[in-house]
Amino acid sequence: MSLRDKSAVVTGGSRGLGLGLVEALVAEGAKVTVVARGADALEAVRARLGVATISADVTDRAAANRILADIRPDILALNAGVTPRMGRLDQLSWEDFSVAWETDVKAGLFWLQAALNLPLKPGSRVLVGSSGAAVTGSQMSGGYGGSKKMLWFMAKYANGVSRELDLGIRFQAIVPRQMILGTGTGDAAAGAYAGSMGITPEQFVARFGAPMPPRQFGDRVISVLEDPQYADGIVFGLNGDAGVTVMEG
């Protein structure tokens, strides 16, 4: 898929990994709309990159339906998510434990349903943000790992619906395989694990190998969208050392 002049919607695209993806999409000539809640952050990304912006809560089903109906993007990247509450299993309240389910999974459900029910046009690509925590777990972030595995499953389920209804929409899960500082979630997780080990967050994330800052993450996602070898994959692992790997295809 050539991205020049393609329309793209990125949720949570005003900071962190989402912003890295927005930067990469703009560099490829895509017409990008960023959806997030913070007005100041949205204005900053609009002024710097010339993208369209929409202030909305991603867990608002009506907003998901309205935005996709208005834009009908070629690419939808579901990146928005909450920073998990960090703590040992014996220290977390149910509200702490379930926060990622109430935000990330709920938003994923509403936006995937909107893409299928509208539907988006044939050939559209929907990228669902997951996490390496979906593979290995994350014992200090409550239900976060499970929520990210659920989003992985939901991308597969959506592909099944697309095939059954002959919609021609491709749903793919994106799995960063390392913690990344400067992303909110990465900072919280690295700080918690590093603190429990008596080391610095920088020392902790170095255990994952070569770093993958947000813009490099964005470039990896561009490869998934543009390179024909990734057109039929379902789940992709991304990291600084190996680049893009097909985890399920």
C-alpha atoms as a PDB file:
ATOM      1  CA  MET A   1       0.000   0.000   0.000  1.00  0.00           C
ATOM      2  CA  SER A   2       1.415   3.390  -1.009  1.00  0.00           C
ATOM      3  CA  LEU A   3       0.514   5.871   1.714  1.00  0.00           C
ATOM      4  CA  ARG A   4       0.698   9.063  -0.339  1.00  0.00           C
ATOM      5  CA  ASP A   5      -2.644  10.876  -0.150  1.00  0.00           C
ATOM      6  CA  LYS A   6      -4.193   8.016   1.844  1.00  0.00           C
ATOM      7  CA  SER A   7      -6.392   9.141   4.728  1.00  0.00           C
ATOM      8  CA  ALA A   8      -5.434   7.908   8.191  1.00  0.00           C
ATOM      9  CA  VAL A   9      -6.996   8.248  11.632  1.00  0.00           C
ATOM     10  CA  VAL A  10      -4.727   7.681  14.632  1.00  0.00           C
ATOM     11  CA  THR A  11      -6.265   7.518  18.100  1.00  0.00           C
ATOM     12  CA  GLY A  12      -3.964   8.594  20.896  1.00  0.00           C
ATOM     13  CA  GLY A  13      -1.748  10.244  18.289  1.00  0.00           C
ATOM     14  CA  SER A  14      -0.785  13.351  20.246  1.00  0.00           C
ATOM     15  CA  ARG A  15       1.986  11.735  22.320  1.00  0.00           C
ATOM     16  CA  GLY A  16       4.200   8.676  22.725  1.00  0.00           C
ATOM     17  CA  LEU A  17       4.066   5.849  20.198  1.00  0.00           C
ATOM     18  CA  GLY A  18       0.975   7.289  18.554  1.00  0.00           C
ATOM     19  CA  LEU A  19       2.776  10.555  17.857  1.00  0.00           C
ATOM     20  CA  GLY A  20       5.726   8.625  16.424  1.00  0.00           C
ATOM     21  CA  LEU A  21       3.322   6.911  14.027  1.00  0.00           C
ATOM     22  CA  VAL A  22       1.686  10.229  13.086  1.00  0.00           C
ATOM     23  CA  GLU A  23       5.110  11.686  12.260  1.00  0.00           C
ATOM     24  CA  ALA A  24       5.947   8.689  10.080  1.00  0.00           C
ATOM     25  CA  LEU A  25       2.599   8.799   8.255  1.00  0.00           C
ATOM     26  CA  VAL A  26       2.981  12.523   7.520  1.00  0.00           C
ATOM     27  CA  ALA A  27       6.474  11.900   6.167  1.00  0.00           C
ATOM     28  CA  GLU A  28       4.976   9.359   3.738  1.00  0.00           C
ATOM     29  CA  GLY A  29       2.426  11.884   2.459  1.00  0.00           C
ATOM     30  CA  ALA A  30      -0.663  10.537   4.216  1.00  0.00           C
ATOM     31  CA  LYS A  31      -3.526  12.817   5.243  1.00  0.00           C
ATOM     32  CA  VAL A  32      -3.707  12.266   8.982  1.00  0.00           C
ATOM     33  CA  THR A  33      -6.388  13.004  11.566  1.00  0.00           C
ATOM     34  CA  VAL A  34      -5.329  12.683  15.197  1.00  0.00           C
ATOM     35  CA  VAL A  35      -7.943  11.802  17.813  1.00  0.00           C
ATOM     36  CA  ALA A  36      -7.152  12.445  21.485  1.00  0.00           C
ATOM     37  CA  ARG A  37      -8.620  14.183  24.514  1.00  0.00           C
ATOM     38  CA  GLY A  38      -6.031  16.844  25.396  1.00  0.00           C
ATOM     39  CA  ALA A  39      -6.679  20.090  23.539  1.00  0.00           C
ATOM     40  CA  ASP A  40      -3.209  21.527  24.174  1.00  0.00           C
ATOM     41  CA  ALA A  41      -1.401  18.439  22.921  1.00  0.00           C
ATOM     42  CA  LEU A  42      -3.661  18.289  19.868  1.00  0.00           C
ATOM     43  CA  GLU A  43      -2.969  21.932  19.047  1.00  0.00           C
ATOM     44  CA  ALA A  44       0.773  21.332  19.366  1.00  0.00           C
ATOM     45  CA  VAL A  45       0.752  18.404  16.938  1.00  0.00           C
ATOM     46  CA  ARG A  46      -1.534  20.286  14.534  1.00  0.00           C
ATOM     47  CA  ALA A  47       0.753  23.316  14.495  1.00  0.00           C
ATOM     48  CA  ARG A  48       3.937  21.263  14.054  1.00  0.00           C
ATOM     49  CA  LEU A  49       2.782  18.637  11.553  1.00  0.00           C
ATOM     50  CA  GLY A  50      -0.203  20.210   9.807  1.00  0.00           C
ATOM     51  CA  VAL A  51      -2.541  17.334  10.648  1.00  0.00           C
ATOM     52  CA  ALA A  52      -6.268  17.539  11.339  1.00  0.00           C
ATOM     53  CA  THR A  53      -7.271  16.985  14.954  1.00  0.00           C
ATOM     54  CA  ILE A  54     -10.410  15.919  16.811  1.00  0.00           C
ATOM     55  CA  SER A  55     -10.839  16.120  20.571  1.00  0.00           C
ATOM     56  CA  ALA A  56     -12.807  13.075  21.691  1.00  0.00           C
ATOM     57  CA  ASP A  57     -12.928  10.350  24.312  1.00  0.00           C
ATOM     58  CA  VAL A  58     -12.042   7.099  22.536  1.00  0.00           C
ATOM     59  CA  THR A  59     -14.397   5.176  24.828  1.00  0.00           C
ATOM     60  CA  ASP A  60     -17.345   7.172  23.441  1.00  0.00           C
ATOM     61  CA  ARG A  61     -19.114   4.821  21.020  1.00  0.00           C
ATOM     62  CA  ALA A  62     -20.947   7.692  19.308  1.00  0.00           C
ATOM     63  CA  ALA A  63     -17.660   9.527  18.680  1.00  0.00           C
ATOM     64  CA  ALA A  64     -16.128   6.432  17.065  1.00  0.00           C
ATOM     65  CA  ASN A  65     -19.129   6.005  14.776  1.00  0.00           C
ATOM     66  CA  ARG A  66     -19.241   9.707  13.867  1.00  0.00           C
ATOM     67  CA  ILE A  67     -15.521  10.100  13.170  1.00  0.00           C
ATOM     68  CA  LEU A  68     -15.258   7.036  10.952  1.00  0.00           C
ATOM     69  CA  ALA A  69     -18.454   7.937   9.078  1.00  0.00           C
ATOM     70  CA  ASP A  70     -17.160  11.466   8.421  1.00  0.00           C
ATOM     71  CA  ILE A  71     -13.608  10.521   7.371  1.00  0.00           C
ATOM     72  CA  ARG A  72     -13.879   6.930   6.103  1.00  0.00           C
ATOM     73  CA  PRO A  73     -10.115   6.469   6.433  1.00  0.00           C
ATOM     74  CA  ASP A  74      -7.973   4.084   4.423  1.00  0.00           C
ATOM     75  CA  ILE A  75      -5.969   3.426   7.601  1.00  0.00           C
ATOM     76  CA  LEU A  76      -7.239   3.345  11.158  1.00  0.00           C
ATOM     77  CA  ALA A  77      -4.635   2.997  13.916  1.00  0.00           C
ATOM     78  CA  LEU A  78      -6.055   2.266  17.361  1.00  0.00           C
ATOM     79  CA  ASN A  79      -3.244   3.398  19.596  1.00  0.00           C
ATOM     80  CA  ALA A  80      -4.989   5.210  22.462  1.00  0.00           C
ATOM     81  CA  GLY A  81      -4.731   3.641  25.878  1.00  0.00           C
ATOM     82  CA  VAL A  82      -4.482   4.387  29.562  1.00  0.00           C
ATOM     83  CA  THR A  83      -1.284   4.160  31.594  1.00  0.00           C
ATOM     84  CA  PRO A  84      -1.828   1.141  33.870  1.00  0.00           C
ATOM     85  CA  ARG A  85      -1.780   1.466  37.649  1.00  0.00           C
ATOM     86  CA  MET A  86       1.451  -0.136  38.785  1.00  0.00           C
ATOM     87  CA  GLY A  87       1.728  -2.339  41.869  1.00  0.00           C
ATOM     88  CA  ARG A  88       1.992  -5.901  43.148  1.00  0.00           C
ATOM     89  CA  LEU A  89      -1.039  -8.136  42.748  1.00  0.00           C
ATOM     90  CA  ASP A  90      -1.750  -8.020  46.487  1.00  0.00           C
ATOM     91  CA  GLN A  91      -1.765  -4.204  46.465  1.00  0.00           C
ATOM     92  CA  LEU A  92      -4.182  -3.379  43.622  1.00  0.00           C
ATOM     93  CA  SER A  93      -7.846  -2.514  43.972  1.00  0.00           C
ATOM     94  CA  TRP A  94     -10.261  -3.818  41.362  1.00  0.00           C
ATOM     95  CA  GLU A  95     -10.412  -0.299  39.891  1.00  0.00           C
ATOM     96  CA  ASP A  96      -6.612  -0.294  39.561  1.00  0.00           C
ATOM     97  CA  PHE A  97      -6.536  -3.808  38.133  1.00  0.00           C
ATOM     98  CA  SER A  98      -9.258  -3.243  35.535  1.00  0.00           C
ATOM     99  CA  VAL A  99      -8.450   0.266  34.269  1.00  0.00           C
ATOM    100  CA  ALA A 100      -6.978  -0.942  30.968  1.00  0.00           C
ATOM    101  CA  TRP A 101     -10.046  -3.094  30.328  1.00  0.00           C
ATOM    102  CA  GLU A 102     -12.347  -0.137  30.963  1.00  0.00           C
ATOM    103  CA  THR A 103     -10.374   2.054  28.556  1.00  0.00           C
ATOM    104  CA  ASP A 104      -8.233   0.149  26.042  1.00  0.00           C
ATOM    105  CA  VAL A 105     -10.523  -2.838  25.516  1.00  0.00           C
ATOM    106  CA  LYS A 106     -13.740  -0.817  25.592  1.00  0.00           C
ATOM    107  CA  ALA A 107     -12.353   1.650  23.055  1.00  0.00           C
ATOM    108  CA  GLY A 108     -11.071  -1.198  20.903  1.00  0.00           C
ATOM    109  CA  LEU A 109     -14.504  -2.820  20.859  1.00  0.00           C
ATOM    110  CA  PHE A 110     -16.310   0.372  19.887  1.00  0.00           C
ATOM    111  CA  TRP A 111     -13.885   1.367  17.102  1.00  0.00           C
ATOM    112  CA  LEU A 112     -13.669  -2.153  15.655  1.00  0.00           C
ATOM    113  CA  GLN A 113     -17.457  -2.399  15.645  1.00  0.00           C
ATOM    114  CA  ALA A 114     -17.696   1.003  13.958  1.00  0.00           C
ATOM    115  CA  ALA A 115     -15.218  -0.070  11.257  1.00  0.00           C
ATOM    116  CA  LEU A 116     -17.199  -3.263  10.591  1.00  0.00           C
ATOM    117  CA  ASN A 117     -20.690  -1.818  10.806  1.00  0.00           C
ATOM    118  CA  LEU A 118     -20.093   1.328   8.746  1.00  0.00           C
ATOM    119  CA  PRO A 119     -18.237  -0.416   7.039  1.00  0.00           C
ATOM    120  CA  LEU A 120     -14.891   1.034   5.998  1.00  0.00           C
ATOM    121  CA  LYS A 121     -14.210   0.598   2.297  1.00  0.00           C
ATOM    122  CA  PRO A 122     -12.603  -2.590   0.895  1.00  0.00           C
ATOM    123  CA  GLY A 123      -8.823  -2.513   1.145  1.00  0.00           C
ATOM    124  CA  SER A 124      -8.825  -0.508   4.379  1.00  0.00           C
ATOM    125  CA  ARG A 125      -6.307  -1.456   7.066  1.00  0.00           C
ATOM    126  CA  VAL A 126      -7.077  -1.327  10.783  1.00  0.00           C
ATOM    127  CA  LEU A 127      -4.099  -1.547  13.147  1.00  0.00           C
ATOM    128  CA  VAL A 128      -4.830  -2.569  16.735  1.00  0.00           C
ATOM    129  CA  GLY A 129      -2.224  -1.587  19.315  1.00  0.00           C
ATOM    130  CA  SER A 130      -1.228  -4.431  21.634  1.00  0.00           C
ATOM    131  CA  SER A 131       1.878  -4.938  23.800  1.00  0.00           C
ATOM    132  CA  GLY A 132       4.648  -7.356  24.600  1.00  0.00           C
ATOM    133  CA  ALA A 133       2.836  -7.753  27.937  1.00  0.00           C
ATOM    134  CA  ALA A 134       0.297  -9.798  25.963  1.00  0.00           C
ATOM    135  CA  VAL A 135       3.064 -12.373  25.377  1.00  0.00           C
ATOM    136  CA  THR A 136       4.951 -12.512  28.657  1.00  0.00           C
ATOM    137  CA  GLY A 137       2.548 -10.929  31.127  1.00  0.00           C
ATOM    138  CA  SER A 138       3.346  -7.944  33.329  1.00  0.00           C
ATOM    139  CA  GLN A 139       2.993  -8.850  36.973  1.00  0.00           C
ATOM    140  CA  MET A 140       3.122  -5.275  38.257  1.00  0.00           C
ATOM    141  CA  SER A 141       0.445  -3.807  35.987  1.00  0.00           C
ATOM    142  CA  GLY A 142      -2.655  -5.723  37.036  1.00  0.00           C
ATOM    143  CA  GLY A 143      -4.952  -6.591  34.149  1.00  0.00           C
ATOM    144  CA  TYR A 144      -2.905  -4.711  31.537  1.00  0.00           C
ATOM    145  CA  GLY A 145      -1.280  -7.766  29.916  1.00  0.00           C
ATOM    146  CA  GLY A 146      -4.626  -9.523  29.650  1.00  0.00           C
ATOM    147  CA  SER A 147      -6.259  -6.451  28.127  1.00  0.00           C
ATOM    148  CA  LYS A 148      -3.586  -6.273  25.442  1.00  0.00           C
ATOM    149  CA  LYS A 149      -4.000  -9.980  24.665  1.00  0.00           C
ATOM    150  CA  MET A 150      -7.746  -9.378  24.354  1.00  0.00           C
ATOM    151  CA  LEU A 151      -7.097  -6.650  21.777  1.00  0.00           C
ATOM    152  CA  TRP A 152      -4.901  -9.136  19.896  1.00  0.00           C
ATOM    153  CA  PHE A 153      -7.791 -11.606  19.912  1.00  0.00           C
ATOM    154  CA  MET A 154     -10.234  -8.894  18.847  1.00  0.00           C
ATOM    155  CA  ALA A 155      -8.171  -8.081  15.741  1.00  0.00           C
ATOM    156  CA  LYS A 156      -8.418 -11.765  14.792  1.00  0.00           C
ATOM    157  CA  TYR A 157     -12.150 -11.855  15.500  1.00  0.00           C
ATOM    158  CA  ALA A 158     -12.673  -8.741  13.356  1.00  0.00           C
ATOM    159  CA  ASN A 159     -10.828 -10.406  10.480  1.00  0.00           C
ATOM    160  CA  GLY A 160     -13.247 -13.300  10.758  1.00  0.00           C
ATOM    161  CA  VAL A 161     -16.234 -10.958  10.525  1.00  0.00           C
ATOM    162  CA  SER A 162     -14.664  -9.167   7.555  1.00  0.00           C
ATOM    163  CA  ARG A 163     -14.218 -12.459   5.717  1.00  0.00           C
ATOM    164  CA  GLU A 164     -17.709 -13.691   6.585  1.00  0.00           C
ATOM    165  CA  LEU A 165     -19.315 -10.477   5.316  1.00  0.00           C
ATOM    166  CA  ASP A 166     -16.866 -10.082   2.397  1.00  0.00           C
ATOM    167  CA  LEU A 167     -15.919  -6.577   3.529  1.00  0.00           C
ATOM    168  CA  GLY A 168     -12.302  -6.648   2.346  1.00  0.00           C
ATOM    169  CA  ILE A 169     -11.031  -4.904   5.511  1.00  0.00           C
ATOM    170  CA  ARG A 170      -7.767  -6.154   7.011  1.00  0.00           C
ATOM    171  CA  PHE A 171      -7.296  -6.021  10.809  1.00  0.00           C
ATOM    172  CA  GLN A 172      -3.751  -6.404  12.167  1.00  0.00           C
ATOM    173  CA  ALA A 173      -2.349  -6.296  15.699  1.00  0.00           C
ATOM    174  CA  ILE A 174       0.848  -4.374  16.429  1.00  0.00           C
ATOM    175  CA  VAL A 175       2.921  -5.679  19.365  1.00  0.00           C
ATOM    176  CA  PRO A 176       5.870  -3.567  20.590  1.00  0.00           C
ATOM    177  CA  ARG A 177       8.181  -6.150  22.148  1.00  0.00           C
ATOM    178  CA  GLN A 178      10.037  -3.789  24.498  1.00  0.00           C
ATOM    179  CA  MET A 179       9.420  -1.001  26.983  1.00  0.00           C
ATOM    180  CA  ILE A 180       9.994   2.449  25.514  1.00  0.00           C
ATOM    181  CA  LEU A 181      10.799   5.472  27.642  1.00  0.00           C
ATOM    182  CA  GLY A 182       9.065   8.755  26.893  1.00  0.00           C
ATOM    183  CA  THR A 183       5.703   7.106  26.243  1.00  0.00           C
ATOM    184  CA  GLY A 184       3.869   7.360  29.553  1.00  0.00           C
ATOM    185  CA  THR A 185       3.132   3.653  29.871  1.00  0.00           C
ATOM    186  CA  GLY A 186       6.768   2.763  29.221  1.00  0.00           C
ATOM    187  CA  ASP A 187       7.951   5.247  31.826  1.00  0.00           C
ATOM    188  CA  ALA A 188       5.510   3.990  34.459  1.00  0.00           C
ATOM    189  CA  ALA A 189       6.327   0.337  33.870  1.00  0.00           C
ATOM    190  CA  ALA A 190      10.086   0.776  33.622  1.00  0.00           C
ATOM    191  CA  GLY A 191      10.077   2.920  36.753  1.00  0.00           C
ATOM    192  CA  ALA A 192       8.126   0.333  38.721  1.00  0.00           C
ATOM    193  CA  TYR A 193      10.245  -2.635  37.668  1.00  0.00           C
ATOM    194  CA  ALA A 194      13.524  -0.760  37.960  1.00  0.00           C
ATOM    195  CA  GLY A 195      12.577   0.465  41.439  1.00  0.00           C
ATOM    196  CA  SER A 196      11.840  -3.079  42.595  1.00  0.00           C
ATOM    197  CA  MET A 197      15.283  -4.156  41.361  1.00  0.00           C
ATOM    198  CA  GLY A 198      17.257  -1.194  42.654  1.00  0.00           C
ATOM    199  CA  ILE A 199      18.367  -0.008  39.221  1.00  0.00           C
ATOM    200  CA  THR A 200      17.505   2.955  37.002  1.00  0.00           C
ATOM    201  CA  PRO A 201      14.747   2.854  34.355  1.00  0.00           C
ATOM    202  CA  GLU A 202      17.440   3.316  31.693  1.00  0.00           C
ATOM    203  CA  GLN A 203      19.296   0.263  32.969  1.00  0.00           C
ATOM    204  CA  PHE A 204      16.085  -1.736  32.984  1.00  0.00           C
ATOM    205  CA  VAL A 205      15.003  -0.938  29.408  1.00  0.00           C
ATOM    206  CA  ALA A 206      18.538  -1.647  28.173  1.00  0.00           C
ATOM    207  CA  ARG A 207      17.788  -5.317  28.859  1.00  0.00           C
ATOM    208  CA  PHE A 208      15.490  -5.315  25.828  1.00  0.00           C
ATOM    209  CA  GLY A 209      18.373  -4.574  23.454  1.00  0.00           C
ATOM    210  CA  ALA A 210      18.556  -1.720  20.965  1.00  0.00           C
ATOM    211  CA  PRO A 211      16.094   1.077  21.751  1.00  0.00           C
ATOM    212  CA  MET A 212      13.052   1.782  19.593  1.00  0.00           C
ATOM    213  CA  PRO A 213      12.035   5.410  20.151  1.00  0.00           C
ATOM    214  CA  PRO A 214       8.537   6.466  19.060  1.00  0.00           C
ATOM    215  CA  ARG A 215       9.505   7.700  15.586  1.00  0.00           C
ATOM    216  CA  GLN A 216      11.362   4.460  14.867  1.00  0.00           C
ATOM    217  CA  PHE A 217       8.276   2.596  16.038  1.00  0.00           C
ATOM    218  CA  GLY A 218       6.302   4.660  13.533  1.00  0.00           C
ATOM    219  CA  ASP A 219       8.693   3.710  10.744  1.00  0.00           C
ATOM    220  CA  ARG A 220       8.300   0.035  11.651  1.00  0.00           C
ATOM    221  CA  VAL A 221       4.516   0.381  11.367  1.00  0.00           C
ATOM    222  CA  ILE A 222       4.933   2.072   7.979  1.00  0.00           C
ATOM    223  CA  SER A 223       6.801  -1.054   6.858  1.00  0.00           C
ATOM    224  CA  VAL A 224       3.835  -3.198   7.904  1.00  0.00           C
ATOM    225  CA  LEU A 225       1.543  -0.997   5.807  1.00  0.00           C
ATOM    226  CA  GLU A 226       3.740  -0.622   2.719  1.00  0.00           C
ATOM    227  CA  ASP A 227       5.707  -3.868   2.378  1.00  0.00           C
ATOM    228  CA  PRO A 228       3.766  -6.560   0.459  1.00  0.00           C
ATOM    229  CA  GLN A 229       5.332  -9.318   2.578  1.00  0.00           C
ATOM    230  CA  TYR A 230       3.263  -8.078   5.540  1.00  0.00           C
ATOM    231  CA  ALA A 231      -0.046  -7.667   3.727  1.00  0.00           C
ATOM    232  CA  ASP A 232      -1.504 -10.973   4.922  1.00  0.00           C
ATOM    233  CA  GLY A 233      -0.045 -11.128   8.434  1.00  0.00           C
ATOM    234  CA  ILE A 234      -2.280 -10.768  11.460  1.00  0.00           C
ATOM    235  CA  VAL A 235       0.056 -10.064  14.408  1.00  0.00           C
ATOM    236  CA  PHE A 236       3.402  -8.267  14.137  1.00  0.00           C
ATOM    237  CA  GLY A 237       6.121  -7.903  16.747  1.00  0.00           C
ATOM    238  CA  LEU A 238       8.206  -4.732  16.602  1.00  0.00           C
ATOM    239  CA  ASN A 239      11.508  -4.037  18.340  1.00  0.00           C
ATOM    240  CA  GLY A 240      14.773  -2.171  17.948  1.00  0.00           C
ATOM    241  CA  ASP A 241      16.924  -5.181  17.096  1.00  0.00           C
ATOM    242  CA  ALA A 242      14.808  -7.417  14.857  1.00  0.00           C
ATOM    243  CA  GLY A 243      12.596  -4.736  13.295  1.00  0.00           C
ATOM    244  CA  VAL A 244       9.298  -6.324  12.219  1.00  0.00           C
ATOM    245  CA  THR A 245       8.550 -10.005  12.792  1.00  0.00           C
ATOM    246  CA  VAL A 246       5.380 -11.872  11.866  1.00  0.00           C
ATOM    247  CA  MET A 247       4.009 -13.470  15.020  1.00  0.00           C
ATOM    248  CA  GLU A 248       0.823 -14.790  13.413  1.00  0.00           C
ATOM    249  CA  GLY A 249       0.048 -14.884   9.711  1.00  0.00           C
END
